[in-house]
Amino acid sequence: MQENSPFKKYDRVITADGVKLGELLRIHHRLDDVNPDLRLYASYLEVWSLDFAGHFYIPADYIDDYDADGGTIYLTDTMRTVQTETWDRTPSFIAGRKSQRQELPTAVL
């Protein structure tokens, strides 16, 4: 995903139950200890939400589909999963600056 990411800054992120989570800001790539079985995912979408007044960090493993024309990323799980998994907290590898930030191009309108 890192090199050829199709995503654009401000793409909408929608949960499986239709909740608009927010808009994509950037992607963070873990530099060490990737192990999905331990919930240590390789890449996370950083999403800003006005509606929820904060950031979400969604593992890229939870992307279901992407509509490039509509600028929308669809997730495999519901808002309940987002809340249960506490994806509104900054992962320690990002807070500890052990990630590579990927800034995204802005969509041309």
PDB file of N, CA and C in Angstrom:
ATOM      1  N   MET A   1       0.830  -1.202   0.000  1.00  0.00           N
ATOM      2  CA  MET A   1       0.000   0.000   0.000  1.00  0.00           C
ATOM      3  C   MET A   1       0.862   1.249   0.000  1.00  0.00           C
ATOM      4  N   GLN A   2       2.028   1.172   0.547  1.00  0.00           N
ATOM      5  CA  GLN A   2       2.826   2.359   0.772  1.00  0.00           C
ATOM      6  C   GLN A   2       3.197   3.103  -0.501  1.00  0.00           C
ATOM      7  N   GLU A   3       3.723   2.410  -1.465  1.00  0.00           N
ATOM      8  CA  GLU A   3       4.231   3.082  -2.653  1.00  0.00           C
ATOM      9  C   GLU A   3       3.136   3.573  -3.592  1.00  0.00           C
ATOM     10  N   ASN A   4       2.179   2.744  -3.868  1.00  0.00           N
ATOM     11  CA  ASN A   4       1.173   3.061  -4.883  1.00  0.00           C
ATOM     12  C   ASN A   4      -0.222   3.193  -4.295  1.00  0.00           C
ATOM     13  N   SER A   5      -0.345   3.855  -3.199  1.00  0.00           N
ATOM     14  CA  SER A   5      -1.644   4.008  -2.561  1.00  0.00           C
ATOM     15  C   SER A   5      -2.599   4.768  -3.479  1.00  0.00           C
ATOM     16  N   PRO A   6      -3.783   4.221  -3.704  1.00  0.00           N
ATOM     17  CA  PRO A   6      -4.740   4.900  -4.561  1.00  0.00           C
ATOM     18  C   PRO A   6      -5.503   6.023  -3.847  1.00  0.00           C
ATOM     19  N   PHE A   7      -5.359   6.100  -2.536  1.00  0.00           N
ATOM     20  CA  PHE A   7      -6.164   7.013  -1.735  1.00  0.00           C
ATOM     21  C   PHE A   7      -5.723   8.460  -1.883  1.00  0.00           C
ATOM     22  N   LYS A   8      -6.673   9.345  -1.642  1.00  0.00           N
ATOM     23  CA  LYS A   8      -6.434  10.785  -1.683  1.00  0.00           C
ATOM     24  C   LYS A   8      -6.770  11.382  -0.314  1.00  0.00           C
ATOM     25  N   LYS A   9      -6.085  12.453  -0.007  1.00  0.00           N
ATOM     26  CA  LYS A   9      -6.393  13.186   1.213  1.00  0.00           C
ATOM     27  C   LYS A   9      -7.836  13.677   1.135  1.00  0.00           C
ATOM     28  N   TYR A  10      -8.541  13.522   2.221  1.00  0.00           N
ATOM     29  CA  TYR A  10      -9.950  13.913   2.385  1.00  0.00           C
ATOM     30  C   TYR A  10     -10.940  12.924   1.768  1.00  0.00           C
ATOM     31  N   ASP A  11     -10.482  11.735   1.341  1.00  0.00           N
ATOM     32  CA  ASP A  11     -11.443  10.694   0.966  1.00  0.00           C
ATOM     33  C   ASP A  11     -12.309  10.395   2.185  1.00  0.00           C
ATOM     34  N   ARG A  12     -13.596  10.162   1.954  1.00  0.00           N
ATOM     35  CA  ARG A  12     -14.509   9.806   3.033  1.00  0.00           C
ATOM     36  C   ARG A  12     -14.265   8.363   3.469  1.00  0.00           C
ATOM     37  N   VAL A  13     -14.413   8.101   4.761  1.00  0.00           N
ATOM     38  CA  VAL A  13     -14.278   6.751   5.297  1.00  0.00           C
ATOM     39  C   VAL A  13     -15.619   6.377   5.917  1.00  0.00           C
ATOM     40  N   ILE A  14     -16.195   5.281   5.401  1.00  0.00           N
ATOM     41  CA  ILE A  14     -17.542   4.845   5.788  1.00  0.00           C
ATOM     42  C   ILE A  14     -17.471   3.447   6.408  1.00  0.00           C
ATOM     43  N   THR A  15     -18.122   3.253   7.548  1.00  0.00           N
ATOM     44  CA  THR A  15     -18.153   1.935   8.184  1.00  0.00           C
ATOM     45  C   THR A  15     -19.142   1.023   7.452  1.00  0.00           C
ATOM     46  N   ALA A  16     -19.096  -0.272   7.775  1.00  0.00           N
ATOM     47  CA  ALA A  16     -19.960  -1.255   7.119  1.00  0.00           C
ATOM     48  C   ALA A  16     -21.440  -0.998   7.374  1.00  0.00           C
ATOM     49  N   ASP A  17     -21.770  -0.310   8.459  1.00  0.00           N
ATOM     50  CA  ASP A  17     -23.170   0.005   8.742  1.00  0.00           C
ATOM     51  C   ASP A  17     -23.557   1.407   8.288  1.00  0.00           C
ATOM     52  N   GLY A  18     -22.721   2.011   7.434  1.00  0.00           N
ATOM     53  CA  GLY A  18     -23.079   3.275   6.796  1.00  0.00           C
ATOM     54  C   GLY A  18     -22.764   4.542   7.562  1.00  0.00           C
ATOM     55  N   VAL A  19     -22.014   4.455   8.640  1.00  0.00           N
ATOM     56  CA  VAL A  19     -21.654   5.643   9.416  1.00  0.00           C
ATOM     57  C   VAL A  19     -20.454   6.321   8.757  1.00  0.00           C
ATOM     58  N   LYS A  20     -20.587   7.634   8.501  1.00  0.00           N
ATOM     59  CA  LYS A  20     -19.449   8.389   7.971  1.00  0.00           C
ATOM     60  C   LYS A  20     -18.507   8.657   9.130  1.00  0.00           C
ATOM     61  N   LEU A  21     -17.380   7.940   9.124  1.00  0.00           N
ATOM     62  CA  LEU A  21     -16.417   8.064  10.202  1.00  0.00           C
ATOM     63  C   LEU A  21     -15.692   9.402  10.122  1.00  0.00           C
ATOM     64  N   GLY A  22     -15.322   9.807   8.923  1.00  0.00           N
ATOM     65  CA  GLY A  22     -14.616  11.064   8.748  1.00  0.00           C
ATOM     66  C   GLY A  22     -13.882  11.091   7.426  1.00  0.00           C
ATOM     67  N   GLU A  23     -12.800  11.880   7.385  1.00  0.00           N
ATOM     68  CA  GLU A  23     -12.027  12.048   6.159  1.00  0.00           C
ATOM     69  C   GLU A  23     -10.587  11.621   6.385  1.00  0.00           C
ATOM     70  N   LEU A  24     -10.030  10.942   5.412  1.00  0.00           N
ATOM     71  CA  LEU A  24      -8.659  10.444   5.472  1.00  0.00           C
ATOM     72  C   LEU A  24      -7.663  11.603   5.444  1.00  0.00           C
ATOM     73  N   LEU A  25      -6.710  11.590   6.364  1.00  0.00           N
ATOM     74  CA  LEU A  25      -5.662  12.612   6.386  1.00  0.00           C
ATOM     75  C   LEU A  25      -4.339  12.078   5.842  1.00  0.00           C
ATOM     76  N   ARG A  26      -3.932  10.920   6.349  1.00  0.00           N
ATOM     77  CA  ARG A  26      -2.639  10.327   5.961  1.00  0.00           C
ATOM     78  C   ARG A  26      -2.659   8.863   6.356  1.00  0.00           C
ATOM     79  N   ILE A  27      -1.579   8.171   5.991  1.00  0.00           N
ATOM     80  CA  ILE A  27      -1.416   6.762   6.351  1.00  0.00           C
ATOM     81  C   ILE A  27      -0.123   6.633   7.149  1.00  0.00           C
ATOM     82  N   HIS A  28      -0.174   5.817   8.188  1.00  0.00           N
ATOM     83  CA  HIS A  28       1.005   5.539   9.004  1.00  0.00           C
ATOM     84  C   HIS A  28       1.401   4.078   8.782  1.00  0.00           C
ATOM     85  N   HIS A  29       2.696   3.848   8.533  1.00  0.00           N
ATOM     86  CA  HIS A  29       3.216   2.507   8.314  1.00  0.00           C
ATOM     87  C   HIS A  29       4.115   2.125   9.488  1.00  0.00           C
ATOM     88  N   ARG A  30       3.797   1.005  10.097  1.00  0.00           N
ATOM     89  CA  ARG A  30       4.582   0.498  11.229  1.00  0.00           C
ATOM     90  C   ARG A  30       5.970   0.094  10.741  1.00  0.00           C
ATOM     91  N   LEU A  31       6.998   0.452  11.497  1.00  0.00           N
ATOM     92  CA  LEU A  31       8.370   0.136  11.111  1.00  0.00           C
ATOM     93  C   LEU A  31       8.875  -1.182  11.707  1.00  0.00           C
ATOM     94  N   ASP A  32       8.173  -1.697  12.722  1.00  0.00           N
ATOM     95  CA  ASP A  32       8.613  -2.951  13.334  1.00  0.00           C
ATOM     96  C   ASP A  32       7.432  -3.755  13.857  1.00  0.00           C
ATOM     97  N   ASP A  33       7.684  -5.015  14.160  1.00  0.00           N
ATOM     98  CA  ASP A  33       6.728  -5.893  14.843  1.00  0.00           C
ATOM     99  C   ASP A  33       5.331  -5.935  14.230  1.00  0.00           C
ATOM    100  N   VAL A  34       5.229  -6.249  12.949  1.00  0.00           N
ATOM    101  CA  VAL A  34       3.927  -6.447  12.325  1.00  0.00           C
ATOM    102  C   VAL A  34       3.461  -7.859  12.637  1.00  0.00           C
ATOM    103  N   ASN A  35       2.278  -7.973  13.256  1.00  0.00           N
ATOM    104  CA  ASN A  35       1.705  -9.279  13.576  1.00  0.00           C
ATOM    105  C   ASN A  35       0.191  -9.116  13.744  1.00  0.00           C
ATOM    106  N   PRO A  36      -0.571  -9.286  12.659  1.00  0.00           N
ATOM    107  CA  PRO A  36      -2.029  -9.099  12.740  1.00  0.00           C
ATOM    108  C   PRO A  36      -2.704  -9.969  13.800  1.00  0.00           C
ATOM    109  N   ASP A  37      -2.136 -11.145  14.100  1.00  0.00           N
ATOM    110  CA  ASP A  37      -2.717 -11.993  15.145  1.00  0.00           C
ATOM    111  C   ASP A  37      -2.678 -11.319  16.510  1.00  0.00           C
ATOM    112  N   LEU A  38      -1.705 -10.433  16.702  1.00  0.00           N
ATOM    113  CA  LEU A  38      -1.592  -9.682  17.957  1.00  0.00           C
ATOM    114  C   LEU A  38      -2.129  -8.257  17.823  1.00  0.00           C
ATOM    115  N   ARG A  39      -2.830  -8.008  16.725  1.00  0.00           N
ATOM    116  CA  ARG A  39      -3.387  -6.682  16.409  1.00  0.00           C
ATOM    117  C   ARG A  39      -2.298  -5.626  16.211  1.00  0.00           C
ATOM    118  N   LEU A  40      -1.192  -6.050  15.669  1.00  0.00           N
ATOM    119  CA  LEU A  40      -0.100  -5.141  15.306  1.00  0.00           C
ATOM    120  C   LEU A  40      -0.084  -5.079  13.781  1.00  0.00           C
ATOM    121  N   TYR A  41      -0.914  -4.210  13.233  1.00  0.00           N
ATOM    122  CA  TYR A  41      -1.113  -4.132  11.789  1.00  0.00           C
ATOM    123  C   TYR A  41      -0.028  -3.294  11.126  1.00  0.00           C
ATOM    124  N   ALA A  42       0.216  -3.550   9.846  1.00  0.00           N
ATOM    125  CA  ALA A  42       1.297  -2.887   9.112  1.00  0.00           C
ATOM    126  C   ALA A  42       1.018  -1.418   8.848  1.00  0.00           C
ATOM    127  N   SER A  43      -0.232  -1.081   8.491  1.00  0.00           N
ATOM    128  CA  SER A  43      -0.566   0.296   8.108  1.00  0.00           C
ATOM    129  C   SER A  43      -1.907   0.706   8.706  1.00  0.00           C
ATOM    130  N   TYR A  44      -1.991   1.986   9.037  1.00  0.00           N
ATOM    131  CA  TYR A  44      -3.213   2.540   9.612  1.00  0.00           C
ATOM    132  C   TYR A  44      -3.619   3.796   8.856  1.00  0.00           C
ATOM    133  N   LEU A  45      -4.909   3.940   8.631  1.00  0.00           N
ATOM    134  CA  LEU A  45      -5.461   5.161   8.057  1.00  0.00           C
ATOM    135  C   LEU A  45      -5.700   6.139   9.205  1.00  0.00           C
ATOM    136  N   GLU A  46      -5.218   7.340   9.091  1.00  0.00           N
ATOM    137  CA  GLU A  46      -5.544   8.374  10.078  1.00  0.00           C
ATOM    138  C   GLU A  46      -6.715   9.164   9.532  1.00  0.00           C
ATOM    139  N   VAL A  47      -7.816   9.115  10.255  1.00  0.00           N
ATOM    140  CA  VAL A  47      -9.072   9.719   9.816  1.00  0.00           C
ATOM    141  C   VAL A  47      -9.443  10.826  10.794  1.00  0.00           C
ATOM    142  N   TRP A  48      -9.777  12.001  10.262  1.00  0.00           N
ATOM    143  CA  TRP A  48     -10.253  13.111  11.088  1.00  0.00           C
ATOM    144  C   TRP A  48     -11.763  13.174  10.968  1.00  0.00           C
ATOM    145  N   SER A  49     -12.426  13.320  12.118  1.00  0.00           N
ATOM    146  CA  SER A  49     -13.881  13.379  12.128  1.00  0.00           C
ATOM    147  C   SER A  49     -14.374  14.631  12.834  1.00  0.00           C
ATOM    148  N   LEU A  50     -15.094  15.453  12.106  1.00  0.00           N
ATOM    149  CA  LEU A  50     -15.772  16.587  12.742  1.00  0.00           C
ATOM    150  C   LEU A  50     -16.935  16.095  13.587  1.00  0.00           C
ATOM    151  N   ASP A  51     -17.688  15.117  13.065  1.00  0.00           N
ATOM    152  CA  ASP A  51     -18.869  14.611  13.769  1.00  0.00           C
ATOM    153  C   ASP A  51     -18.513  13.995  15.122  1.00  0.00           C
ATOM    154  N   PHE A  52     -17.363  13.318  15.195  1.00  0.00           N
ATOM    155  CA  PHE A  52     -16.946  12.660  16.431  1.00  0.00           C
ATOM    156  C   PHE A  52     -15.840  13.435  17.154  1.00  0.00           C
ATOM    157  N   ALA A  53     -15.478  14.588  16.616  1.00  0.00           N
ATOM    158  CA  ALA A  53     -14.511  15.522  17.225  1.00  0.00           C
ATOM    159  C   ALA A  53     -13.197  14.863  17.605  1.00  0.00           C
ATOM    160  N   GLY A  54     -12.587  14.187  16.637  1.00  0.00           N
ATOM    161  CA  GLY A  54     -11.294  13.597  16.925  1.00  0.00           C
ATOM    162  C   GLY A  54     -10.768  12.755  15.793  1.00  0.00           C
ATOM    163  N   HIS A  55      -9.673  12.084  16.074  1.00  0.00           N
ATOM    164  CA  HIS A  55      -8.999  11.229  15.099  1.00  0.00           C
ATOM    165  C   HIS A  55      -9.354   9.772  15.339  1.00  0.00           C
ATOM    166  N   PHE A  56      -9.324   9.001  14.265  1.00  0.00           N
ATOM    167  CA  PHE A  56      -9.428   7.551  14.322  1.00  0.00           C
ATOM    168  C   PHE A  56      -8.218   6.996  13.595  1.00  0.00           C
ATOM    169  N   TYR A  57      -7.760   5.831  14.034  1.00  0.00           N
ATOM    170  CA  TYR A  57      -6.637   5.141  13.404  1.00  0.00           C
ATOM    171  C   TYR A  57      -7.130   3.745  13.035  1.00  0.00           C
ATOM    172  N   ILE A  58      -7.473   3.572  11.772  1.00  0.00           N
ATOM    173  CA  ILE A  58      -8.098   2.345  11.299  1.00  0.00           C
ATOM    174  C   ILE A  58      -7.054   1.477  10.595  1.00  0.00           C
ATOM    175  N   PRO A  59      -6.865   0.238  11.055  1.00  0.00           N
ATOM    176  CA  PRO A  59      -5.935  -0.645  10.352  1.00  0.00           C
ATOM    177  C   PRO A  59      -6.374  -0.832   8.898  1.00  0.00           C
ATOM    178  N   ALA A  60      -5.413  -0.747   7.991  1.00  0.00           N
ATOM    179  CA  ALA A  60      -5.722  -0.890   6.563  1.00  0.00           C
ATOM    180  C   ALA A  60      -6.282  -2.276   6.237  1.00  0.00           C
ATOM    181  N   ASP A  61      -6.033  -3.246   7.108  1.00  0.00           N
ATOM    182  CA  ASP A  61      -6.581  -4.591   6.916  1.00  0.00           C
ATOM    183  C   ASP A  61      -8.119  -4.578   6.907  1.00  0.00           C
ATOM    184  N   TYR A  62      -8.723  -3.527   7.442  1.00  0.00           N
ATOM    185  CA  TYR A  62     -10.178  -3.439   7.547  1.00  0.00           C
ATOM    186  C   TYR A  62     -10.824  -2.669   6.392  1.00  0.00           C
ATOM    187  N   ILE A  63     -10.066  -2.413   5.343  1.00  0.00           N
ATOM    188  CA  ILE A  63     -10.644  -1.778   4.154  1.00  0.00           C
ATOM    189  C   ILE A  63     -11.345  -2.846   3.330  1.00  0.00           C
ATOM    190  N   ASP A  64     -12.593  -2.593   3.001  1.00  0.00           N
ATOM    191  CA  ASP A  64     -13.375  -3.528   2.196  1.00  0.00           C
ATOM    192  C   ASP A  64     -13.320  -3.155   0.721  1.00  0.00           C
ATOM    193  N   ASP A  65     -13.527  -1.870   0.425  1.00  0.00           N
ATOM    194  CA  ASP A  65     -13.610  -1.432  -0.969  1.00  0.00           C
ATOM    195  C   ASP A  65     -13.214   0.041  -1.040  1.00  0.00           C
ATOM    196  N   TYR A  66     -12.874   0.452  -2.246  1.00  0.00           N
ATOM    197  CA  TYR A  66     -12.529   1.850  -2.476  1.00  0.00           C
ATOM    198  C   TYR A  66     -13.172   2.311  -3.768  1.00  0.00           C
ATOM    199  N   ASP A  67     -13.939   3.382  -3.672  1.00  0.00           N
ATOM    200  CA  ASP A  67     -14.551   4.015  -4.835  1.00  0.00           C
ATOM    201  C   ASP A  67     -13.743   5.270  -5.144  1.00  0.00           C
ATOM    202  N   ALA A  68     -12.805   5.141  -6.074  1.00  0.00           N
ATOM    203  CA  ALA A  68     -11.926   6.258  -6.414  1.00  0.00           C
ATOM    204  C   ALA A  68     -12.699   7.430  -6.990  1.00  0.00           C
ATOM    205  N   ASP A  69     -13.691   7.149  -7.839  1.00  0.00           N
ATOM    206  CA  ASP A  69     -14.482   8.219  -8.452  1.00  0.00           C
ATOM    207  C   ASP A  69     -15.288   8.988  -7.409  1.00  0.00           C
ATOM    208  N   GLY A  70     -15.802   8.267  -6.422  1.00  0.00           N
ATOM    209  CA  GLY A  70     -16.595   8.899  -5.372  1.00  0.00           C
ATOM    210  C   GLY A  70     -15.765   9.358  -4.187  1.00  0.00           C
ATOM    211  N   GLY A  71     -14.469   9.017  -4.193  1.00  0.00           N
ATOM    212  CA  GLY A  71     -13.601   9.411  -3.084  1.00  0.00           C
ATOM    213  C   GLY A  71     -14.042   8.826  -1.758  1.00  0.00           C
ATOM    214  N   THR A  72     -14.373   7.517  -1.769  1.00  0.00           N
ATOM    215  CA  THR A  72     -14.912   6.892  -0.567  1.00  0.00           C
ATOM    216  C   THR A  72     -14.229   5.558  -0.291  1.00  0.00           C
ATOM    217  N   ILE A  73     -13.794   5.394   0.953  1.00  0.00           N
ATOM    218  CA  ILE A  73     -13.214   4.141   1.436  1.00  0.00           C
ATOM    219  C   ILE A  73     -14.272   3.469   2.302  1.00  0.00           C
ATOM    220  N   TYR A  74     -14.562   2.211   1.995  1.00  0.00           N
ATOM    221  CA  TYR A  74     -15.547   1.441   2.754  1.00  0.00           C
ATOM    222  C   TYR A  74     -14.821   0.432   3.640  1.00  0.00           C
ATOM    223  N   LEU A  75     -15.230   0.363   4.895  1.00  0.00           N
ATOM    224  CA  LEU A  75     -14.616  -0.555   5.859  1.00  0.00           C
ATOM    225  C   LEU A  75     -15.397  -1.856   5.954  1.00  0.00           C
ATOM    226  N   THR A  76     -14.728  -2.901   6.432  1.00  0.00           N
ATOM    227  CA  THR A  76     -15.362  -4.208   6.583  1.00  0.00           C
ATOM    228  C   THR A  76     -16.196  -4.313   7.850  1.00  0.00           C
ATOM    229  N   ASP A  77     -15.984  -3.405   8.798  1.00  0.00           N
ATOM    230  CA  ASP A  77     -16.663  -3.513  10.080  1.00  0.00           C
ATOM    231  C   ASP A  77     -17.475  -2.269  10.421  1.00  0.00           C
ATOM    232  N   THR A  78     -18.290  -2.421  11.436  1.00  0.00           N
ATOM    233  CA  THR A  78     -19.258  -1.400  11.837  1.00  0.00           C
ATOM    234  C   THR A  78     -18.653  -0.383  12.803  1.00  0.00           C
ATOM    235  N   MET A  79     -19.418   0.640  13.072  1.00  0.00           N
ATOM    236  CA  MET A  79     -19.008   1.664  14.043  1.00  0.00           C
ATOM    237  C   MET A  79     -18.807   1.034  15.417  1.00  0.00           C
ATOM    238  N   ARG A  80     -19.603   0.055  15.730  1.00  0.00           N
ATOM    239  CA  ARG A  80     -19.449  -0.630  17.020  1.00  0.00           C
ATOM    240  C   ARG A  80     -18.049  -1.250  17.145  1.00  0.00           C
ATOM    241  N   THR A  81     -17.566  -1.850  16.063  1.00  0.00           N
ATOM    242  CA  THR A  81     -16.218  -2.422  16.066  1.00  0.00           C
ATOM    243  C   THR A  81     -15.178  -1.326  16.262  1.00  0.00           C
ATOM    244  N   VAL A  82     -15.348  -0.207  15.571  1.00  0.00           N
ATOM    245  CA  VAL A  82     -14.430   0.922  15.718  1.00  0.00           C
ATOM    246  C   VAL A  82     -14.353   1.343  17.185  1.00  0.00           C
ATOM    247  N   GLN A  83     -15.499   1.414  17.841  1.00  0.00           N
ATOM    248  CA  GLN A  83     -15.537   1.814  19.244  1.00  0.00           C
ATOM    249  C   GLN A  83     -14.964   0.725  20.150  1.00  0.00           C
ATOM    250  N   THR A  84     -15.316  -0.530  19.893  1.00  0.00           N
ATOM    251  CA  THR A  84     -14.843  -1.644  20.716  1.00  0.00           C
ATOM    252  C   THR A  84     -13.333  -1.810  20.628  1.00  0.00           C
ATOM    253  N   GLU A  85     -12.796  -1.636  19.430  1.00  0.00           N
ATOM    254  CA  GLU A  85     -11.357  -1.789  19.219  1.00  0.00           C
ATOM    255  C   GLU A  85     -10.574  -0.544  19.646  1.00  0.00           C
ATOM    256  N   THR A  86     -11.262   0.474  20.120  1.00  0.00           N
ATOM    257  CA  THR A  86     -10.673   1.746  20.569  1.00  0.00           C
ATOM    258  C   THR A  86      -9.747   2.355  19.525  1.00  0.00           C
ATOM    259  N   TRP A  87     -10.227   2.377  18.287  1.00  0.00           N
ATOM    260  CA  TRP A  87      -9.457   2.962  17.207  1.00  0.00           C
ATOM    261  C   TRP A  87      -9.481   4.481  17.239  1.00  0.00           C
ATOM    262  N   ASP A  88     -10.034   5.051  18.304  1.00  0.00           N
ATOM    263  CA  ASP A  88      -9.985   6.500  18.490  1.00  0.00           C
ATOM    264  C   ASP A  88      -8.767   6.894  19.332  1.00  0.00           C
ATOM    265  N   ARG A  89      -7.944   5.933  19.683  1.00  0.00           N
ATOM    266  CA  ARG A  89      -6.715   6.190  20.438  1.00  0.00           C
ATOM    267  C   ARG A  89      -5.519   6.084  19.504  1.00  0.00           C
ATOM    268  N   THR A  90      -4.558   6.947  19.706  1.00  0.00           N
ATOM    269  CA  THR A  90      -3.353   6.915  18.883  1.00  0.00           C
ATOM    270  C   THR A  90      -2.535   5.674  19.232  1.00  0.00           C
ATOM    271  N   PRO A  91      -2.250   4.819  18.249  1.00  0.00           N
ATOM    272  CA  PRO A  91      -1.428   3.633  18.527  1.00  0.00           C
ATOM    273  C   PRO A  91      -0.054   4.042  19.059  1.00  0.00           C
ATOM    274  N   SER A  92       0.504   3.224  19.948  1.00  0.00           N
ATOM    275  CA  SER A  92       1.768   3.572  20.600  1.00  0.00           C
ATOM    276  C   SER A  92       2.912   3.739  19.605  1.00  0.00           C
ATOM    277  N   PHE A  93       2.910   2.978  18.509  1.00  0.00           N
ATOM    278  CA  PHE A  93       4.009   3.123  17.548  1.00  0.00           C
ATOM    279  C   PHE A  93       3.940   4.465  16.818  1.00  0.00           C
ATOM    280  N   ILE A  94       2.752   5.032  16.699  1.00  0.00           N
ATOM    281  CA  ILE A  94       2.620   6.362  16.085  1.00  0.00           C
ATOM    282  C   ILE A  94       2.992   7.434  17.112  1.00  0.00           C
ATOM    283  N   ALA A  95       2.467   7.310  18.320  1.00  0.00           N
ATOM    284  CA  ALA A  95       2.780   8.272  19.380  1.00  0.00           C
ATOM    285  C   ALA A  95       4.282   8.283  19.684  1.00  0.00           C
ATOM    286  N   GLY A  96       4.925   7.113  19.592  1.00  0.00           N
ATOM    287  CA  GLY A  96       6.350   7.001  19.873  1.00  0.00           C
ATOM    288  C   GLY A  96       7.237   7.284  18.669  1.00  0.00           C
ATOM    289  N   ARG A  97       6.611   7.758  17.593  1.00  0.00           N
ATOM    290  CA  ARG A  97       7.324   8.119  16.360  1.00  0.00           C
ATOM    291  C   ARG A  97       8.125   6.950  15.776  1.00  0.00           C
ATOM    292  N   LYS A  98       7.495   5.778  15.804  1.00  0.00           N
ATOM    293  CA  LYS A  98       8.100   4.589  15.208  1.00  0.00           C
ATOM    294  C   LYS A  98       7.308   4.171  13.983  1.00  0.00           C
ATOM    295  N   SER A  99       6.921   5.167  13.211  1.00  0.00           N
ATOM    296  CA  SER A  99       6.169   4.905  11.990  1.00  0.00           C
ATOM    297  C   SER A  99       6.674   5.806  10.878  1.00  0.00           C
ATOM    298  N   GLN A 100       6.347   5.409   9.685  1.00  0.00           N
ATOM    299  CA  GLN A 100       6.623   6.260   8.528  1.00  0.00           C
ATOM    300  C   GLN A 100       5.291   6.868   8.110  1.00  0.00           C
ATOM    301  N   ARG A 101       5.221   8.178   8.092  1.00  0.00           N
ATOM    302  CA  ARG A 101       3.997   8.878   7.689  1.00  0.00           C
ATOM    303  C   ARG A 101       3.974   9.000   6.181  1.00  0.00           C
ATOM    304  N   GLN A 102       2.842   8.644   5.607  1.00  0.00           N
ATOM    305  CA  GLN A 102       2.653   8.826   4.168  1.00  0.00           C
ATOM    306  C   GLN A 102       1.621   9.912   3.958  1.00  0.00           C
ATOM    307  N   GLU A 103       2.084  11.057   3.503  1.00  0.00           N
ATOM    308  CA  GLU A 103       1.162  12.138   3.158  1.00  0.00           C
ATOM    309  C   GLU A 103       0.543  11.807   1.812  1.00  0.00           C
ATOM    310  N   LEU A 104      -0.685  12.176   1.651  1.00  0.00           N
ATOM    311  CA  LEU A 104      -1.443  11.822   0.452  1.00  0.00           C
ATOM    312  C   LEU A 104      -1.709  13.048  -0.422  1.00  0.00           C
ATOM    313  N   PRO A 105      -1.795  12.834  -1.719  1.00  0.00           N
ATOM    314  CA  PRO A 105      -2.163  13.965  -2.598  1.00  0.00           C
ATOM    315  C   PRO A 105      -3.633  14.323  -2.381  1.00  0.00           C
ATOM    316  N   THR A 106      -3.949  15.565  -2.563  1.00  0.00           N
ATOM    317  CA  THR A 106      -5.336  16.027  -2.462  1.00  0.00           C
ATOM    318  C   THR A 106      -6.048  15.746  -3.770  1.00  0.00           C
ATOM    319  N   ALA A 107      -7.272  15.282  -3.679  1.00  0.00           N
ATOM    320  CA  ALA A 107      -8.060  15.001  -4.873  1.00  0.00           C
ATOM    321  C   ALA A 107      -8.296  16.281  -5.664  1.00  0.00           C
ATOM    322  N   VAL A 108      -8.252  16.169  -6.965  1.00  0.00           N
ATOM    323  CA  VAL A 108      -8.541  17.300  -7.851  1.00  0.00           C
ATOM    324  C   VAL A 108     -10.050  17.378  -8.039  1.00  0.00           C
ATOM    325  N   LEU A 109     -10.630  18.517  -7.747  1.00  0.00           N
ATOM    326  CA  LEU A 109     -12.084  18.665  -7.847  1.00  0.00           C
ATOM    327  C   LEU A 109     -12.501  19.222  -9.178  1.00  0.00           C
TER     328      LEU A 109
END
